[in-house]
């Protein structure tokens, strides 16, 4: 596939999609499959998946259908990718507790369909954790138990993505996102980091965000990994609405429309916990995410308004 550097004033404006981001330059794929490199400022705001119009060395970004953002452990906000419709949440043994719940809330609030992948199921030690995760999220989100190393279960995931989805994998470092990408699209040959046998974790090796078309259909964004998934601009009401496990509230709502599922009378979530349909641990995960959203709301109210 040809690639060239875009020169200022060269040719007519062309529309394309950003398929790679190198920090100070992006690679844009246009309709005929040709790719061009365009220089950008390091903090330009452009991300992989953006639809753009190229005019010389100027990029005009078209309206985004969706965007996925996350907050890191230091409070920094990162835009992961744009114009996605699904979010693949990758788990493995010793994945951080609550990561899946947090990512599902973020995906739903962003208008994306979340799905869960439990990787490394070729390891006997992983099977109990995978089975527990499937029981927890059964009927809530699509769930795939697989092994990128052996190919076990990969076809089911590929069939799901072939429906025309554009997504991204998120998960803590070492869960096998690059291995999954290699299994689904062997031609990209992403470098895989070393994995500690003791903790089954590794160091992520991706340094460039890129969009890849899968052989049978669908697209995946590969982006540098992270160990956390802090919420960005998600209200406490959205947490209460989107937390996985609360789906039955659509049919049997709480007494109060604005119930935050703490100790309000007539709270159906309390009934779920009491009946064992939502574990105490999952409920603690919910309260932790709710606390985070409410703290952000309080901080926003205290912040001086710009005149």
Protein backbone atom coordinates (compact mmCIF):
# COMPACT_ATOMS: atom_id res chain seq x y z
CA UNK A 1 0.00 0.00 0.00
CA UNK A 2 1.47 3.33 -1.05
CA UNK A 3 2.25 6.07 1.43
CA UNK A 4 3.51 9.59 0.90
CA UNK A 5 4.16 12.74 2.80
CA UNK A 6 1.57 15.44 2.22
CA UNK A 7 3.04 18.70 0.90
CA UNK A 8 1.53 22.09 1.66
CA UNK A 9 -0.84 23.21 -1.08
CA UNK A 10 -0.59 19.92 -2.94
CA UNK A 11 -3.71 18.77 -4.84
CA UNK A 12 -7.37 19.13 -3.97
CA UNK A 13 -8.79 18.52 -0.49
CA UNK A 14 -9.30 14.82 0.22
CA UNK A 15 -11.29 13.08 2.93
CA UNK A 16 -9.87 10.18 4.90
CA UNK A 17 -9.47 8.48 8.26
CA UNK A 18 -6.53 8.74 10.66
CA UNK A 19 -5.14 5.21 10.90
CA UNK A 20 -1.92 5.90 12.82
CA UNK A 21 -0.77 8.58 15.27
CA UNK A 22 2.95 9.10 15.86
CA UNK A 23 2.76 12.08 18.21
CA UNK A 24 4.03 14.73 15.77
CA UNK A 25 2.51 13.21 12.63
CA UNK A 26 -0.53 11.18 11.60
CA UNK A 27 -1.12 8.74 8.78
CA UNK A 28 -4.36 9.28 6.87
CA UNK A 29 -5.97 6.63 4.66
CA UNK A 30 -8.14 8.02 1.86
CA UNK A 31 -10.93 6.34 -0.09
CA UNK A 32 -8.70 4.66 -2.70
CA UNK A 33 -6.57 3.04 0.00
CA UNK A 34 -3.64 5.40 -0.43
CA UNK A 35 -2.01 6.65 2.77
CA UNK A 36 -0.36 9.98 3.43
CA UNK A 37 1.67 11.34 6.31
CA UNK A 38 0.63 14.73 7.67
CA UNK A 39 2.59 16.66 10.25
CA UNK A 40 0.59 17.81 13.30
CA UNK A 41 1.27 19.53 16.59
CA UNK A 42 1.96 17.14 19.45
CA UNK A 43 -1.21 18.23 21.27
CA UNK A 44 -3.35 18.68 18.16
CA UNK A 45 -6.29 16.73 19.60
CA UNK A 46 -6.44 14.40 16.59
CA UNK A 47 -6.78 10.69 17.36
CA UNK A 48 -6.96 7.43 15.47
CA UNK A 49 -10.42 6.94 13.98
CA UNK A 50 -10.98 10.62 13.28
CA UNK A 51 -12.50 11.44 9.90
CA UNK A 52 -10.59 14.36 8.45
CA UNK A 53 -10.26 16.51 5.35
CA UNK A 54 -6.64 17.01 4.26
CA UNK A 55 -5.79 20.36 2.70
CA UNK A 56 -2.07 20.46 2.14
CA UNK A 57 -0.60 20.10 5.64
CA UNK A 58 -3.81 21.20 7.33
CA UNK A 59 -6.28 18.71 8.82
CA UNK A 60 -9.92 19.66 9.30
CA UNK A 61 -11.60 17.20 11.65
CA UNK A 62 -15.15 16.15 10.83
CA UNK A 63 -17.76 15.63 13.52
CA UNK A 64 -17.20 12.59 15.71
CA UNK A 65 -19.93 10.00 16.19
CA UNK A 66 -18.34 8.87 19.45
CA UNK A 67 -15.18 9.26 21.47
CA UNK A 68 -13.66 7.25 24.30
CA UNK A 69 -11.73 9.05 27.02
CA UNK A 70 -10.15 7.84 30.22
CA UNK A 71 -8.39 9.38 33.22
CA UNK A 72 -5.03 8.02 34.35
CA UNK A 73 -3.82 7.56 37.93
CA UNK A 74 -2.31 11.06 37.92
CA UNK A 75 -5.56 12.69 36.89
CA UNK A 76 -4.58 13.29 33.26
CA UNK A 77 -7.32 12.87 30.65
CA UNK A 78 -6.55 10.90 27.49
CA UNK A 79 -8.67 10.58 24.37
CA UNK A 80 -8.24 6.93 23.36
CA UNK A 81 -9.92 6.84 19.93
CA UNK A 82 -12.84 8.26 17.96
CA UNK A 83 -15.80 6.93 15.98
CA UNK A 84 -15.89 3.55 17.72
CA UNK A 85 -19.02 1.50 18.29
CA UNK A 86 -17.72 -1.30 20.56
CA UNK A 87 -15.28 -1.60 23.45
CA UNK A 88 -13.51 -4.89 24.16
CA UNK A 89 -12.57 -5.22 27.84
CA UNK A 90 -9.76 -7.74 28.17
CA UNK A 91 -9.33 -9.62 31.44
CA UNK A 92 -6.84 -12.25 32.56
CA UNK A 93 -5.85 -13.80 35.88
CA UNK A 94 -5.02 -11.10 38.43
CA UNK A 95 -6.69 -8.29 36.47
CA UNK A 96 -7.42 -5.36 38.82
CA UNK A 97 -10.70 -5.77 40.73
CA UNK A 98 -13.47 -3.58 39.40
CA UNK A 99 -11.74 -2.81 36.09
CA UNK A 100 -14.49 -4.45 34.03
CA UNK A 101 -17.30 -2.63 35.86
CA UNK A 102 -15.59 0.73 35.42
CA UNK A 103 -14.90 0.14 31.72
CA UNK A 104 -18.48 -1.04 31.07
CA UNK A 105 -19.87 2.14 32.66
CA UNK A 106 -17.48 4.27 30.57
CA UNK A 107 -18.41 2.44 27.36
CA UNK A 108 -22.14 2.73 27.88
CA UNK A 109 -21.89 6.40 28.84
CA UNK A 110 -19.95 6.99 25.59
CA UNK A 111 -22.61 5.20 23.54
CA UNK A 112 -20.46 2.12 22.87
CA UNK A 113 -21.41 -1.54 23.24
CA UNK A 114 -19.05 -3.20 25.74
CA UNK A 115 -18.00 -6.84 25.52
CA UNK A 116 -15.74 -8.92 27.75
CA UNK A 117 -12.80 -11.11 26.75
CA UNK A 118 -11.15 -13.42 29.28
CA UNK A 119 -7.75 -14.27 27.79
CA UNK A 120 -5.16 -16.94 28.69
CA UNK A 121 -7.73 -19.70 29.19
CA UNK A 122 -5.08 -22.23 28.11
CA UNK A 123 -3.65 -21.85 31.62
CA UNK A 124 -5.38 -24.25 34.05
CA UNK A 125 -5.12 -21.61 36.78
CA UNK A 126 -7.19 -19.21 34.63
CA UNK A 127 -10.24 -21.43 34.19
CA UNK A 128 -11.90 -20.79 37.59
CA UNK A 129 -11.51 -17.01 37.19
CA UNK A 130 -12.93 -17.14 33.65
CA UNK A 131 -15.91 -19.20 34.78
CA UNK A 132 -16.61 -16.81 37.66
CA UNK A 133 -16.42 -13.80 35.31
CA UNK A 134 -18.83 -15.47 32.89
CA UNK A 135 -21.31 -16.17 35.69
CA UNK A 136 -21.03 -12.58 36.89
CA UNK A 137 -21.65 -10.94 33.51
CA UNK A 138 -23.85 -13.55 31.81
CA UNK A 139 -26.80 -11.81 30.15
CA UNK A 140 -25.22 -8.39 30.71
CA UNK A 141 -22.59 -8.11 27.96
CA UNK A 142 -21.23 -10.47 25.28
CA UNK A 143 -18.55 -12.69 26.83
CA UNK A 144 -15.66 -14.54 25.14
CA UNK A 145 -13.35 -16.96 26.96
CA UNK A 146 -10.31 -17.68 24.82
CA UNK A 147 -6.58 -18.05 24.46
CA UNK A 148 -4.69 -15.83 22.05
CA UNK A 149 -1.68 -18.12 22.45
CA UNK A 150 -3.42 -21.30 21.24
CA UNK A 151 -6.27 -19.80 19.17
CA UNK A 152 -8.91 -21.40 21.39
CA UNK A 153 -12.12 -19.34 21.13
CA UNK A 154 -10.68 -16.78 18.68
CA UNK A 155 -13.14 -17.64 15.90
CA UNK A 156 -16.16 -16.69 18.01
CA UNK A 157 -14.63 -13.29 18.73
CA UNK A 158 -13.70 -12.80 15.06
CA UNK A 159 -17.28 -13.60 14.03
CA UNK A 160 -18.58 -10.95 16.43
CA UNK A 161 -16.21 -8.31 15.04
CA UNK A 162 -17.04 -9.28 11.44
CA UNK A 163 -20.46 -7.70 11.92
CA UNK A 164 -18.82 -4.43 10.90
CA UNK A 165 -17.72 -3.21 14.31
CA UNK A 166 -14.90 -0.75 14.94
CA UNK A 167 -13.52 -1.20 18.43
CA UNK A 168 -10.57 -1.04 20.74
CA UNK A 169 -9.26 -3.39 23.40
CA UNK A 170 -8.72 -1.99 26.87
CA UNK A 171 -7.19 -3.80 29.80
CA UNK A 172 -4.39 -3.62 32.30
CA UNK A 173 -0.84 -4.20 31.10
CA UNK A 174 -0.02 -7.81 30.34
CA UNK A 175 -3.52 -9.19 29.73
CA UNK A 176 -2.56 -9.93 26.13
CA UNK A 177 -4.05 -7.16 23.97
CA UNK A 178 -1.20 -7.29 21.43
CA UNK A 179 -1.38 -11.09 21.32
CA UNK A 180 -5.12 -10.82 20.61
CA UNK A 181 -4.49 -8.33 17.82
CA UNK A 182 -1.89 -10.66 16.30
CA UNK A 183 -4.28 -13.61 16.50
CA UNK A 184 -7.10 -11.69 14.83
CA UNK A 185 -4.93 -9.96 12.23
CA UNK A 186 -1.63 -11.84 11.78
CA UNK A 187 -0.30 -9.45 9.15
CA UNK A 188 0.21 -6.62 11.66
CA UNK A 189 2.69 -8.63 13.77
CA UNK A 190 2.61 -6.43 16.86
CA UNK A 191 5.52 -6.89 19.23
CA UNK A 192 4.53 -8.78 22.38
CA UNK A 193 6.17 -7.89 25.70
CA UNK A 194 7.72 -10.35 28.11
CA UNK A 195 5.32 -11.79 30.67
CA UNK A 196 6.19 -12.64 34.25
CA UNK A 197 5.31 -16.24 35.07
CA UNK A 198 4.82 -15.21 38.68
CA UNK A 199 2.08 -12.61 38.15
CA UNK A 200 1.09 -13.37 34.52
CA UNK A 201 1.57 -9.66 33.79
CA UNK A 202 3.87 -7.97 31.33
CA UNK A 203 4.96 -4.64 29.97
CA UNK A 204 3.01 -3.22 27.05
CA UNK A 205 5.14 -2.59 23.97
CA UNK A 206 2.83 -0.53 21.74
CA UNK A 207 4.05 3.06 21.32
CA UNK A 208 1.97 4.14 18.31
CA UNK A 209 -1.83 4.12 18.10
CA UNK A 210 -3.04 2.53 14.88
CA UNK A 211 -6.24 1.33 13.18
CA UNK A 212 -6.25 -2.12 11.57
CA UNK A 213 -8.77 -3.73 9.23
CA UNK A 214 -9.43 -7.37 10.13
CA UNK A 215 -9.32 -10.00 7.35
CA UNK A 216 -12.97 -11.03 7.62
CA UNK A 217 -14.37 -7.60 8.41
CA UNK A 218 -14.37 -5.14 11.27
CA UNK A 219 -11.64 -2.83 12.53
CA UNK A 220 -9.59 -2.62 15.70
CA UNK A 221 -7.54 0.21 17.16
CA UNK A 222 -4.30 -0.75 18.87
CA UNK A 223 -3.31 1.80 21.50
CA UNK A 224 -0.77 1.92 24.35
CA UNK A 225 -1.96 -0.03 27.38
CA UNK A 226 -2.78 1.34 30.78
CA UNK A 227 -3.36 -0.05 34.26
CA UNK A 228 -6.32 2.14 35.18
CA UNK A 229 -9.57 3.41 33.74
CA UNK A 230 -10.61 6.59 35.54
CA UNK A 231 -13.95 8.03 34.49
CA UNK A 232 -14.16 11.34 32.63
CA UNK A 233 -17.22 13.63 32.77
CA UNK A 234 -19.52 10.80 33.80
CA UNK A 235 -22.26 11.86 36.20
CA UNK A 236 -23.44 9.94 39.24
CA UNK A 237 -26.77 9.40 37.49
CA UNK A 238 -24.96 7.76 34.55
CA UNK A 239 -23.10 5.46 36.93
CA UNK A 240 -26.41 4.44 38.50
CA UNK A 241 -27.92 3.90 35.04
CA UNK A 242 -25.08 2.00 33.38
CA UNK A 243 -23.54 -0.18 36.09
CA UNK A 244 -23.59 -3.82 34.90
CA UNK A 245 -26.01 -5.87 36.95
CA UNK A 246 -28.66 -3.16 37.26
CA UNK A 247 -30.36 -4.07 33.97
CA UNK A 248 -33.42 -5.49 35.75
CA UNK A 249 -34.16 -2.00 37.08
CA UNK A 250 -35.60 -1.12 33.66
CA UNK A 251 -38.50 -3.47 34.39
CA UNK A 252 -38.70 -2.88 38.13
CA UNK A 253 -37.41 0.60 38.96
CA UNK A 254 -36.63 1.98 42.40
CA UNK A 255 -39.24 4.02 44.24
CA UNK A 256 -37.38 7.27 43.49
CA UNK A 257 -36.36 8.14 39.95
CA UNK A 258 -33.06 9.72 41.12
CA UNK A 259 -32.17 6.82 43.46
CA UNK A 260 -28.38 6.45 43.82
CA UNK A 261 -28.77 3.00 45.39
CA UNK A 262 -27.21 3.79 48.73
CA UNK A 263 -29.75 3.63 51.55
CA UNK A 264 -32.82 5.16 49.91
CA UNK A 265 -36.17 3.57 50.80
CA UNK A 266 -37.63 1.37 48.10
CA UNK A 267 -34.24 0.79 46.44
CA UNK A 268 -34.36 -2.26 44.18
CA UNK A 269 -30.56 -2.57 44.15
CA UNK A 270 -30.67 -3.27 47.89
CA UNK A 271 -33.16 -6.02 47.05
CA UNK A 272 -30.77 -7.44 44.42
CA UNK A 273 -27.96 -7.58 46.98
CA UNK A 274 -30.20 -9.12 49.63
CA UNK A 275 -31.41 -11.78 47.18
CA UNK A 276 -27.84 -12.63 46.17
CA UNK A 277 -28.38 -11.54 42.56
CA UNK A 278 -25.68 -8.89 43.06
CA UNK A 279 -22.73 -9.79 45.28
CA UNK A 280 -21.57 -7.56 48.10
CA UNK A 281 -18.23 -7.21 46.29
CA UNK A 282 -19.90 -5.96 43.11
CA UNK A 283 -21.98 -3.55 45.17
CA UNK A 284 -18.78 -2.20 46.75
CA UNK A 285 -17.38 -1.74 43.23
CA UNK A 286 -20.49 0.25 42.35
CA UNK A 287 -20.20 2.47 45.43
CA UNK A 288 -16.51 3.15 44.70
CA UNK A 289 -17.33 4.27 41.14
CA UNK A 290 -20.27 6.31 42.40
CA UNK A 291 -18.06 8.00 45.01
CA UNK A 292 -15.59 8.91 42.26
CA UNK A 293 -18.31 10.42 40.05
CA UNK A 294 -19.85 12.38 42.94
CA UNK A 295 -16.46 13.72 44.00
CA UNK A 296 -15.87 14.95 40.44
CA UNK A 297 -19.28 16.62 40.42
CA UNK A 298 -18.56 18.36 43.73
CA UNK A 299 -15.18 19.55 42.47
CA UNK A 300 -16.79 20.94 39.31
CA UNK A 301 -19.29 22.91 41.42
CA UNK A 302 -16.49 24.39 43.54
CA UNK A 303 -14.40 25.33 40.52
CA UNK A 304 -14.56 29.06 39.74
CA UNK A 305 -16.42 29.83 36.56
CA UNK A 306 -14.57 31.57 33.79
CA UNK A 307 -15.90 34.99 32.92
